[in-house]
Amino acid sequence: MEKGNNFSRRDFIGVSAVSAAGFTILPSQVIGGLGHKAPSDKLNIAGIGVGSKGQVNLRNMNSENIVALCDIDWTYAAKTFETYPTAKRFMDFRIMLEQMNKEIDAVVIATPDHTHAVCALAAMQLGKHVYVQKPLTHTVYESRVLLEASRKYKIVTQMGNEGHSSDSVADVCELIWSGAIGEVKRVDAFTDRPIWPQGLTRPEKGMWVPDTINWDLFIGPAPMRPYHSTYHPWNWRGWWDFGTGALGDMACHVLDVVFASLKLGHPSSVEASSSAFNNESAPNTSMIRYKFPERERVGKQKMPAVKVTWYDGGLLPSRPGSLPDGIELGQGKNGVVFHGTKGKLICGNYGEKYRLLPEDKFSKLVKPPKTVRRVSVKHEMDFVRACKESPENRILPASNFEYACPLNEMVVMGNLAVRMQGLKKKLKWDGENMTFTNLADDDKISVVNGIPGAEPKKIELNAKQFAAELVKTNYREGWSLKF
């Protein structure tokens, strides 16, 4: 595809069998023969969103064939293009998938959050294995769709929370399950993010779109708005239409060890408080309180109801009194404190640098037996390994969608509490049906607008309708998530 050849959406839908309005569903017997090679061969990989994290993911798969690269910004992606000079280049992932269907085995997706789901589903429907950056999706509903699609198409999946493949996550899980710190009824977790602008209103005026950017494709399923450099690159994370704020960016890392070790599922309730924000951009600081019901025991260890509190923007939980002076909490910028009935466990991202408190009590603790599979290669290469294995003998990657989708649902639904804190009450969550159960039909919520050229002011919305739109956002015309 030439750089200047930007198809309109309507043109594309008119000529393509693979459109964002509803991708073609091929029979499984047809999918099975597309692009797949013997396990001994190299995997043919395409990248969608290759200017930043996608570049890192592809670099960690360098032993394979990188056959296609897709990005809406060819200046931002230039370094990656230079690294893989023989890979074909595209701006529109739909055109790439259509033209190179038979040449692609797997797709790496590292676009802004709001386009993860549409890119992933399009690839999955063509029988392609997918590696999708965290957060897996922008909304709760999108996570549910990708989980159902992964079961239907039976392809290999992996979320890009790379620490889940680390020994430290496995170590902490085994310690918790052994009963070393007793029953865990409270967890605190924190991050220093955001390190990008948040709490903003829209720019009053747009800017000229650079020739190397396809702005329509960046917007994707979100409502159209004028181009501005405050959105792209990288700073899209702080805008609700494109990103998921500090929680979405970091909780798939920080809360991963919590979700895994405590066997969490759907929370039963959630509530939040934060610094000032508006309906356009996430707050600079927030605190989110999840409650989870009792779960099935793991071995002899009971899994009682537990409260998980998330802190971001520099907010911190109380420092345990048994933590020696001079020792940082977690890893300083990110961390977790498990409060057990027999002691505490503190750690950083992915259980790293874990420490049991009080130290004298646990000084002679013998590590429990290893029961969790250890991953001996990089997170990306564990995905590659699984793609090459025959389906009947396949060991799924550590953060496949059976695990990653529920984790991601729990993470992004926390943003519902942030955005609905104007109700000033704890929200009761029915995870199975993706809805809040204690919203009355006439409940009103005050939200602050962020309309360009206008003074921010509170507007009243129907709370039930607002919540439903946050769970499942309405896509722009021409885009859908059907399968």
Protein backbone atom coordinates (compact mmCIF):
# COMPACT_ATOMS: atom_id res chain seq x y z
CA MET A 1 0.00 0.00 0.00
CA GLU A 2 1.44 3.36 -0.96
CA LYS A 3 1.65 5.98 1.75
CA GLY A 4 -0.82 8.33 0.13
CA ASN A 5 -3.35 5.64 -0.76
CA ASN A 6 -5.88 6.11 2.07
CA PHE A 7 -9.17 4.39 1.19
CA SER A 8 -12.33 5.89 2.61
CA ARG A 9 -14.34 3.58 4.84
CA ARG A 10 -17.23 3.47 2.39
CA ASP A 11 -14.88 2.65 -0.50
CA PHE A 12 -13.34 -0.12 1.52
CA ILE A 13 -16.64 -1.63 2.59
CA GLY A 14 -17.75 -1.58 -1.02
CA VAL A 15 -14.83 -3.69 -2.25
CA SER A 16 -13.78 -5.75 0.75
CA ALA A 17 -15.16 -8.96 2.14
CA VAL A 18 -13.54 -8.03 5.44
CA SER A 19 -15.13 -4.83 6.68
CA ALA A 20 -15.47 -3.22 10.07
CA ALA A 21 -19.23 -3.28 9.59
CA GLY A 22 -19.25 -7.04 10.14
CA PHE A 23 -16.28 -9.19 9.18
CA THR A 24 -16.86 -12.23 7.00
CA ILE A 25 -17.11 -15.42 9.02
CA LEU A 26 -15.36 -18.28 7.28
CA PRO A 27 -16.17 -21.95 7.97
CA SER A 28 -13.70 -23.63 10.32
CA GLN A 29 -12.61 -26.07 7.62
CA VAL A 30 -11.56 -23.13 5.45
CA ILE A 31 -9.85 -21.26 8.28
CA GLY A 32 -7.78 -24.31 9.15
CA GLY A 33 -5.98 -24.16 5.79
CA LEU A 34 -5.10 -20.48 5.71
CA GLY A 35 -1.48 -19.53 6.22
CA HIS A 36 -0.68 -22.30 8.73
CA LYS A 37 2.68 -24.04 8.53
CA ALA A 38 4.26 -27.06 10.14
CA PRO A 39 5.31 -26.50 13.77
CA SER A 40 8.99 -26.60 12.75
CA ASP A 41 8.58 -23.57 10.47
CA LYS A 42 8.77 -19.93 11.43
CA LEU A 43 5.57 -18.08 12.21
CA ASN A 44 4.47 -15.34 9.79
CA ILE A 45 3.58 -12.36 11.98
CA ALA A 46 1.87 -9.04 11.20
CA GLY A 47 1.92 -6.02 13.50
CA ILE A 48 -0.90 -3.50 13.93
CA GLY A 49 0.23 -0.39 15.81
CA VAL A 50 4.01 -0.67 15.57
CA GLY A 51 5.30 2.76 16.60
CA SER A 52 5.84 2.12 20.31
CA LYS A 53 5.00 -0.99 22.36
CA GLY A 54 4.26 -2.94 19.20
CA GLN A 55 7.84 -2.39 18.14
CA VAL A 56 9.04 -3.95 21.40
CA ASN A 57 6.74 -6.94 21.00
CA LEU A 58 7.93 -7.59 17.45
CA ARG A 59 11.54 -7.27 18.53
CA ASN A 60 10.92 -10.03 21.05
CA MET A 61 9.64 -12.20 18.19
CA ASN A 62 12.59 -11.50 15.89
CA SER A 63 13.26 -15.19 15.36
CA GLU A 64 10.04 -15.36 13.33
CA ASN A 65 9.06 -13.84 9.98
CA ILE A 66 7.70 -10.30 10.34
CA VAL A 67 5.77 -10.11 7.08
CA ALA A 68 3.48 -7.06 7.44
CA LEU A 69 3.36 -3.80 9.39
CA CYS A 70 0.34 -1.55 9.85
CA ASP A 71 0.19 1.88 11.48
CA ILE A 72 -1.93 4.99 11.02
CA ASP A 73 1.19 7.17 11.48
CA TRP A 74 4.05 6.33 9.14
CA THR A 75 6.39 8.84 10.74
CA TYR A 76 5.89 7.36 14.21
CA ALA A 77 6.32 3.87 12.78
CA ALA A 78 9.34 4.73 10.61
CA LYS A 79 11.92 3.06 12.87
CA THR A 80 9.98 -0.19 12.83
CA PHE A 81 9.58 0.01 9.05
CA GLU A 82 13.37 0.38 8.75
CA THR A 83 13.95 -2.59 11.05
CA TYR A 84 11.84 -4.87 8.83
CA PRO A 85 12.46 -3.56 5.29
CA THR A 86 10.90 -6.58 3.56
CA ALA A 87 7.63 -6.39 5.49
CA LYS A 88 4.71 -4.96 3.53
CA ARG A 89 3.35 -1.67 4.89
CA PHE A 90 -0.25 -0.63 5.45
CA MET A 91 -2.28 2.06 7.14
CA ASP A 92 -5.59 0.18 7.30
CA PHE A 93 -5.52 -3.15 9.17
CA ARG A 94 -8.60 -4.35 7.29
CA ILE A 95 -6.86 -3.99 3.94
CA MET A 96 -3.77 -5.72 5.32
CA LEU A 97 -5.81 -8.68 6.55
CA GLU A 98 -7.66 -8.96 3.25
CA GLN A 99 -4.63 -8.68 0.99
CA MET A 100 -2.29 -10.85 3.08
CA ASN A 101 -4.77 -13.32 4.53
CA LYS A 102 -2.93 -16.40 3.25
CA GLU A 103 0.49 -15.08 4.29
CA ILE A 104 -0.26 -14.25 7.95
CA ASP A 105 -0.34 -16.76 10.81
CA ALA A 106 -0.48 -14.40 13.81
CA VAL A 107 -1.13 -10.73 14.54
CA VAL A 108 0.38 -8.48 17.22
CA ILE A 109 -1.92 -5.59 18.19
CA ALA A 110 -0.58 -2.55 20.06
CA THR A 111 -2.89 0.24 18.94
CA PRO A 112 -4.64 2.69 21.31
CA ASP A 113 -7.02 0.90 23.68
CA HIS A 114 -10.23 1.76 21.82
CA THR A 115 -9.21 -0.16 18.68
CA HIS A 116 -7.83 -3.34 20.31
CA ALA A 117 -11.12 -5.21 20.07
CA VAL A 118 -12.00 -4.42 16.44
CA CYS A 119 -8.48 -5.31 15.28
CA ALA A 120 -8.36 -8.51 17.31
CA LEU A 121 -11.79 -9.76 16.26
CA ALA A 122 -11.05 -9.12 12.59
CA ALA A 123 -7.89 -11.24 12.82
CA MET A 124 -9.53 -13.97 14.91
CA GLN A 125 -12.36 -14.36 12.43
CA LEU A 126 -9.78 -15.18 9.78
CA GLY A 127 -8.22 -17.84 11.98
CA LYS A 128 -5.21 -15.77 13.02
CA HIS A 129 -3.61 -16.14 16.42
CA VAL A 130 -3.61 -12.81 18.29
CA TYR A 131 -1.29 -11.15 20.78
CA VAL A 132 -3.01 -8.02 22.14
CA GLN A 133 -1.41 -5.38 24.33
CA LYS A 134 -2.85 -4.51 27.73
CA PRO A 135 -5.41 -3.38 28.58
CA LEU A 136 -6.95 -6.04 26.43
CA THR A 137 -9.95 -3.87 25.57
CA HIS A 138 -11.46 -0.47 26.15
CA THR A 139 -14.72 -1.71 27.69
CA VAL A 140 -16.20 -4.61 29.66
CA TYR A 141 -18.40 -5.65 26.73
CA GLU A 142 -15.44 -5.84 24.34
CA SER A 143 -13.63 -8.19 26.75
CA ARG A 144 -16.65 -10.48 26.81
CA VAL A 145 -16.84 -10.53 23.01
CA LEU A 146 -13.16 -11.43 22.62
CA LEU A 147 -13.49 -14.24 25.15
CA GLU A 148 -16.46 -15.70 23.28
CA ALA A 149 -14.64 -15.30 19.96
CA SER A 150 -11.50 -17.04 21.27
CA ARG A 151 -13.64 -20.04 22.22
CA LYS A 152 -15.39 -20.10 18.88
CA TYR A 153 -12.35 -19.77 16.62
CA LYS A 154 -10.01 -21.86 18.81
CA ILE A 155 -6.92 -19.83 18.06
CA VAL A 156 -4.00 -18.97 20.36
CA THR A 157 -4.39 -15.75 22.34
CA GLN A 158 -2.23 -13.74 24.70
CA MET A 159 -2.56 -10.37 26.45
CA GLY A 160 0.60 -8.28 26.65
CA ASN A 161 0.90 -8.20 30.44
CA GLU A 162 4.33 -9.76 30.10
CA GLY A 163 5.02 -10.16 33.82
CA HIS A 164 2.33 -12.83 34.07
CA SER A 165 4.89 -15.20 32.58
CA SER A 166 7.39 -14.40 35.35
CA ASP A 167 8.47 -16.77 38.12
CA SER A 168 7.53 -14.15 40.71
CA VAL A 169 3.81 -14.34 39.93
CA ALA A 170 3.98 -18.10 40.28
CA ASP A 171 5.96 -17.79 43.55
CA VAL A 172 3.41 -15.44 45.13
CA CYS A 173 0.49 -17.61 44.00
CA GLU A 174 2.04 -20.68 45.60
CA LEU A 175 2.79 -18.81 48.83
CA ILE A 176 -0.79 -17.51 49.09
CA TRP A 177 -2.25 -20.93 48.28
CA SER A 178 0.02 -22.64 50.84
CA GLY A 179 -1.61 -20.60 53.60
CA ALA A 180 1.68 -18.91 54.55
CA ILE A 181 -0.04 -15.60 55.39
CA GLY A 182 -3.44 -17.07 56.16
CA GLU A 183 -6.74 -15.84 54.78
CA VAL A 184 -6.45 -12.67 52.72
CA LYS A 185 -9.37 -10.34 53.32
CA ARG A 186 -7.81 -7.07 52.21
CA VAL A 187 -5.40 -5.98 49.47
CA ASP A 188 -3.96 -2.54 48.66
CA ALA A 189 -2.38 -1.81 45.26
CA PHE A 190 -0.88 1.38 43.86
CA THR A 191 0.87 3.06 40.93
CA ASP A 192 2.48 6.44 40.29
CA ARG A 193 0.70 6.73 36.91
CA PRO A 194 -0.48 8.79 35.11
CA ILE A 195 2.76 10.13 33.66
CA TRP A 196 0.82 11.71 30.78
CA PRO A 197 -1.70 14.61 30.90
CA GLN A 198 -5.14 13.89 32.37
CA GLY A 199 -8.06 15.92 33.70
CA LEU A 200 -8.15 17.94 30.47
CA THR A 201 -10.90 19.49 28.36
CA ARG A 202 -10.83 19.24 24.60
CA PRO A 203 -8.69 21.71 22.67
CA GLU A 204 -10.87 24.50 21.32
CA LYS A 205 -9.33 24.31 17.85
CA GLY A 206 -8.02 21.43 15.82
CA MET A 207 -4.78 21.24 13.85
CA TRP A 208 -3.87 20.31 10.30
CA VAL A 209 -3.42 16.56 9.97
CA PRO A 210 0.16 15.64 8.97
CA ASP A 211 0.42 13.93 5.59
CA THR A 212 1.78 10.77 7.19
CA ILE A 213 -1.23 10.27 9.51
CA ASN A 214 -4.61 8.77 8.63
CA TRP A 215 -6.72 10.49 11.30
CA ASP A 216 -9.95 8.74 10.34
CA LEU A 217 -8.31 5.38 11.07
CA PHE A 218 -6.92 6.63 14.38
CA ILE A 219 -10.43 7.65 15.46
CA GLY A 220 -11.76 4.25 14.37
CA PRO A 221 -14.96 3.38 16.27
CA ALA A 222 -14.82 6.50 18.50
CA PRO A 223 -16.82 9.67 17.73
CA MET A 224 -15.01 11.86 15.21
CA ARG A 225 -13.12 14.91 16.49
CA PRO A 226 -10.54 17.21 14.87
CA TYR A 227 -6.92 16.10 14.89
CA HIS A 228 -4.71 17.55 17.63
CA SER A 229 -1.26 16.57 18.84
CA THR A 230 -2.61 16.37 22.41
CA TYR A 231 -4.18 13.03 21.46
CA HIS A 232 -1.48 11.39 19.37
CA PRO A 233 1.03 9.95 19.87
CA TRP A 234 1.02 8.34 23.33
CA ASN A 235 -1.09 10.90 25.24
CA TRP A 236 -4.34 9.28 24.04
CA ARG A 237 -4.15 7.25 27.28
CA GLY A 238 -5.73 10.04 29.31
CA TRP A 239 -8.75 10.58 27.03
CA TRP A 240 -11.83 8.46 27.73
CA ASP A 241 -12.66 7.99 24.03
CA PHE A 242 -9.28 6.40 23.32
CA GLY A 243 -7.68 5.23 26.57
CA THR A 244 -8.47 3.95 30.03
CA GLY A 245 -6.38 6.25 32.23
CA ALA A 246 -3.92 5.16 34.89
CA LEU A 247 -6.10 2.21 35.97
CA GLY A 248 -6.37 0.70 32.50
CA ASP A 249 -2.74 1.32 31.70
CA MET A 250 -1.22 -0.19 34.84
CA ALA A 251 -3.70 -2.44 36.66
CA CYS A 252 -3.28 -5.32 34.20
CA HIS A 253 0.30 -5.30 35.51
CA VAL A 254 -0.10 -4.38 39.18
CA LEU A 255 -3.34 -6.25 39.93
CA ASP A 256 -2.36 -9.28 37.87
CA VAL A 257 -0.70 -11.05 40.82
CA VAL A 258 -3.74 -10.21 42.98
CA PHE A 259 -6.23 -11.57 40.45
CA ALA A 260 -4.18 -14.72 39.90
CA SER A 261 -3.28 -15.57 43.48
CA LEU A 262 -6.71 -14.86 44.97
CA LYS A 263 -8.63 -16.47 42.10
CA LEU A 264 -10.74 -13.33 41.70
CA GLY A 265 -13.64 -13.16 39.30
CA HIS A 266 -16.36 -10.55 39.06
CA PRO A 267 -16.46 -7.99 41.89
CA SER A 268 -19.76 -7.71 43.74
CA SER A 269 -19.48 -3.95 44.21
CA VAL A 270 -17.24 -1.01 43.37
CA GLU A 271 -16.97 2.63 44.39
CA ALA A 272 -14.48 5.39 43.66
CA SER A 273 -13.27 8.85 44.60
CA SER A 274 -10.90 11.02 42.63
CA SER A 275 -9.51 14.45 41.90
CA ALA A 276 -11.51 16.69 39.59
CA PHE A 277 -12.12 15.33 36.11
CA ASN A 278 -14.62 15.63 33.29
CA ASN A 279 -16.43 13.47 30.78
CA GLU A 280 -13.55 13.81 28.32
CA SER A 281 -10.48 12.92 30.33
CA ALA A 282 -9.55 10.72 33.31
CA PRO A 283 -8.59 12.25 36.69
CA ASN A 284 -5.01 12.82 37.86
CA THR A 285 -5.57 10.77 41.02
CA SER A 286 -8.15 8.20 42.01
CA MET A 287 -8.94 5.54 44.59
CA ILE A 288 -11.16 2.61 43.66
CA ARG A 289 -12.58 0.11 46.14
CA TYR A 290 -13.60 -3.32 44.85
CA LYS A 291 -15.39 -6.00 46.91
CA PHE A 292 -15.23 -9.64 45.84
CA PRO A 293 -17.37 -12.44 47.25
CA GLU A 294 -16.03 -15.64 48.77
CA ARG A 295 -14.50 -18.00 46.21
CA GLU A 296 -13.75 -21.72 46.17
CA ARG A 297 -10.80 -22.73 48.32
CA VAL A 298 -7.48 -23.58 46.68
CA GLY A 299 -6.26 -26.78 48.27
CA LYS A 300 -6.60 -26.21 52.03
CA GLN A 301 -6.59 -22.43 51.72
CA LYS A 302 -9.93 -20.65 52.05
CA MET A 303 -10.66 -17.73 49.75
CA PRO A 304 -12.91 -15.44 51.84
CA ALA A 305 -14.59 -12.27 50.68
CA VAL A 306 -11.90 -9.66 50.04
CA LYS A 307 -11.64 -5.89 49.62
CA VAL A 308 -9.18 -4.65 46.99
CA THR A 309 -8.32 -0.94 46.98
CA TRP A 310 -6.54 0.70 44.05
CA TYR A 311 -4.56 3.95 44.40
CA ASP A 312 -3.07 5.95 41.52
CA GLY A 313 -1.58 9.35 40.78
CA GLY A 314 0.80 9.18 43.74
CA LEU A 315 -1.76 8.15 46.36
CA LEU A 316 -0.46 5.43 48.65
CA PRO A 317 -1.94 2.96 51.14
CA SER A 318 -0.84 2.98 54.77
CA ARG A 319 2.67 1.65 55.25
CA PRO A 320 2.63 -1.62 57.26
CA GLY A 321 4.10 -1.08 60.72
CA SER A 322 6.16 -4.27 60.37
CA LEU A 323 7.96 -2.98 57.26
CA PRO A 324 11.48 -1.95 58.31
CA ASP A 325 12.50 1.69 57.92
CA GLY A 326 14.37 2.41 54.71
CA ILE A 327 12.61 -0.37 52.77
CA GLU A 328 10.39 0.88 49.97
CA LEU A 329 6.77 -0.16 49.72
CA GLY A 330 6.47 -2.51 46.74
CA GLN A 331 8.82 -1.28 44.05
CA GLY A 332 8.38 2.36 44.99
CA LYS A 333 6.33 3.41 41.98
CA ASN A 334 4.09 0.35 41.91
CA GLY A 335 3.19 -2.20 44.53
CA VAL A 336 0.79 -4.53 46.31
CA VAL A 337 0.15 -5.27 49.99
CA PHE A 338 -1.66 -8.52 50.84
CA HIS A 339 -3.10 -8.40 54.36
CA GLY A 340 -3.43 -11.96 55.68
CA THR A 341 -4.62 -13.29 59.02
CA LYS A 342 -1.12 -14.71 59.71
CA GLY A 343 1.00 -11.96 58.15
CA LYS A 344 1.47 -9.67 55.17
CA LEU A 345 3.07 -10.03 51.77
CA ILE A 346 4.29 -6.94 49.92
CA CYS A 347 5.57 -6.95 46.37
CA GLY A 348 6.00 -4.87 43.24
CA ASN A 349 4.73 -5.47 39.74
CA TYR A 350 4.08 -9.14 39.08
CA GLY A 351 5.06 -10.17 42.59
CA GLU A 352 8.62 -8.95 42.13
CA LYS A 353 10.77 -8.36 45.23
CA TYR A 354 8.13 -9.92 47.44
CA ARG A 355 8.66 -9.73 51.19
CA LEU A 356 6.79 -11.47 54.01
CA LEU A 357 6.05 -9.52 57.19
CA PRO A 358 6.88 -9.60 60.02
CA GLU A 359 10.27 -10.76 58.80
CA ASP A 360 11.31 -12.65 61.93
CA LYS A 361 8.17 -14.77 61.78
CA PHE A 362 8.90 -15.91 58.22
CA SER A 363 12.71 -16.11 58.37
CA LYS A 364 12.69 -19.92 58.31
CA LEU A 365 9.77 -20.37 55.90
CA VAL A 366 10.31 -23.12 53.36
CA LYS A 367 8.96 -22.30 49.90
CA PRO A 368 5.96 -24.42 48.97
CA PRO A 369 6.19 -26.93 46.10
CA LYS A 370 6.04 -25.54 42.57
CA THR A 371 2.61 -26.22 41.13
CA VAL A 372 2.37 -23.40 38.55
CA ARG A 373 3.92 -23.85 35.11
CA ARG A 374 7.11 -21.81 34.75
CA VAL A 375 7.66 -20.01 31.44
CA SER A 376 11.28 -20.27 30.35
CA VAL A 377 11.05 -17.85 27.40
CA LYS A 378 9.81 -14.29 26.89
CA HIS A 379 6.06 -13.72 27.14
CA GLU A 380 5.89 -13.11 23.38
CA MET A 381 7.81 -16.28 22.56
CA ASP A 382 5.55 -18.38 24.78
CA PHE A 383 2.76 -17.15 22.51
CA VAL A 384 4.81 -18.13 19.45
CA ARG A 385 5.48 -21.56 20.93
CA ALA A 386 1.77 -22.21 21.44
CA CYS A 387 0.94 -21.05 17.90
CA LYS A 388 3.30 -23.67 16.49
CA GLU A 389 1.99 -26.55 18.56
CA SER A 390 -0.72 -28.79 17.21
CA PRO A 391 -4.13 -27.99 18.76
CA GLU A 392 -4.47 -31.42 20.36
CA ASN A 393 -1.11 -31.08 22.19
CA ARG A 394 -1.13 -27.33 22.75
CA ILE A 395 -0.29 -25.77 26.12
CA LEU A 396 -1.89 -22.33 26.14
CA PRO A 397 0.20 -19.25 26.92
CA ALA A 398 0.06 -17.89 30.47
CA SER A 399 -2.21 -14.89 29.78
CA ASN A 400 -4.51 -16.44 27.20
CA PHE A 401 -7.97 -14.90 26.92
CA GLU A 402 -9.57 -17.40 29.33
CA TYR A 403 -7.49 -15.68 32.00
CA ALA A 404 -6.91 -12.25 30.45
CA CYS A 405 -10.51 -11.35 29.58
CA PRO A 406 -11.87 -11.69 33.15
CA LEU A 407 -8.81 -9.84 34.52
CA ASN A 408 -9.31 -7.06 32.00
CA GLU A 409 -13.05 -6.87 32.73
CA MET A 410 -12.32 -6.34 36.40
CA VAL A 411 -9.80 -3.61 35.58
CA VAL A 412 -11.81 -1.53 33.11
CA MET A 413 -15.06 -1.79 35.10
CA GLY A 414 -13.24 0.17 37.81
CA ASN A 415 -13.37 3.14 35.47
CA LEU A 416 -17.16 2.86 35.52
CA ALA A 417 -17.01 3.65 39.23
CA VAL A 418 -14.71 6.63 38.58
CA ARG A 419 -17.00 8.05 35.94
CA MET A 420 -20.15 7.42 38.00
CA GLN A 421 -18.92 8.67 41.37
CA GLY A 422 -21.36 11.57 41.03
CA LEU A 423 -24.06 9.18 42.26
CA LYS A 424 -22.29 9.14 45.64
CA LYS A 425 -23.06 5.49 46.39
CA LYS A 426 -21.51 2.06 46.20
CA LEU A 427 -22.41 0.39 42.92
CA LYS A 428 -23.50 -3.25 43.04
CA TRP A 429 -22.19 -5.18 40.05
CA ASP A 430 -23.73 -8.18 38.28
CA GLY A 431 -20.73 -9.42 36.34
CA GLU A 432 -22.53 -12.15 34.44
CA ASN A 433 -24.94 -9.64 32.94
CA MET A 434 -22.50 -6.70 32.89
CA THR A 435 -24.82 -4.33 34.71
CA PHE A 436 -25.25 -2.43 37.98
CA THR A 437 -28.20 -3.78 39.95
CA ASN A 438 -28.90 -0.84 42.26
CA LEU A 439 -29.62 1.88 39.71
CA ALA A 440 -33.22 3.07 39.60
CA ASP A 441 -34.82 4.05 36.31
CA ASP A 442 -35.05 7.69 37.43
CA ASP A 443 -31.55 7.97 38.97
CA LYS A 444 -29.71 11.04 37.70
CA ILE A 445 -25.96 11.55 37.61
CA SER A 446 -24.09 14.83 37.34
CA VAL A 447 -21.07 14.80 35.03
CA VAL A 448 -18.79 17.65 34.04
CA ASN A 449 -18.64 18.32 30.33
CA GLY A 450 -15.42 19.04 28.49
CA ILE A 451 -16.83 20.72 25.43
CA PRO A 452 -14.30 22.88 23.56
CA GLY A 453 -14.87 26.60 23.78
CA ALA A 454 -17.25 26.31 26.74
CA GLU A 455 -16.77 26.66 30.46
CA PRO A 456 -16.82 23.21 32.08
CA LYS A 457 -20.14 22.74 33.82
CA LYS A 458 -22.20 19.96 35.33
CA ILE A 459 -24.87 18.32 33.22
CA GLU A 460 -27.44 15.78 34.38
CA LEU A 461 -27.77 12.39 32.68
CA ASN A 462 -29.88 9.31 33.28
CA ALA A 463 -27.57 7.11 35.38
CA LYS A 464 -28.80 3.78 34.03
CA GLN A 465 -28.38 4.83 30.43
CA PHE A 466 -24.99 6.42 31.11
CA ALA A 467 -23.75 3.22 32.78
CA ALA A 468 -24.98 1.06 29.89
CA GLU A 469 -23.11 3.26 27.41
CA LEU A 470 -19.92 2.93 29.45
CA VAL A 471 -20.20 -0.85 29.55
CA LYS A 472 -20.83 -1.06 25.81
CA THR A 473 -19.90 2.08 23.93
CA ASN A 474 -21.76 2.98 20.75
CA TYR A 475 -19.42 2.68 17.78
CA ARG A 476 -19.20 5.26 15.04
CA GLU A 477 -21.11 4.45 11.85
CA GLY A 478 -19.22 1.90 9.78
CA TRP A 479 -17.68 0.11 12.77
CA SER A 480 -19.05 -2.82 14.76
CA LEU A 481 -18.06 -5.83 16.83
CA LYS A 482 -20.18 -8.58 15.33
CA PHE A 483 -19.35 -12.23 14.94
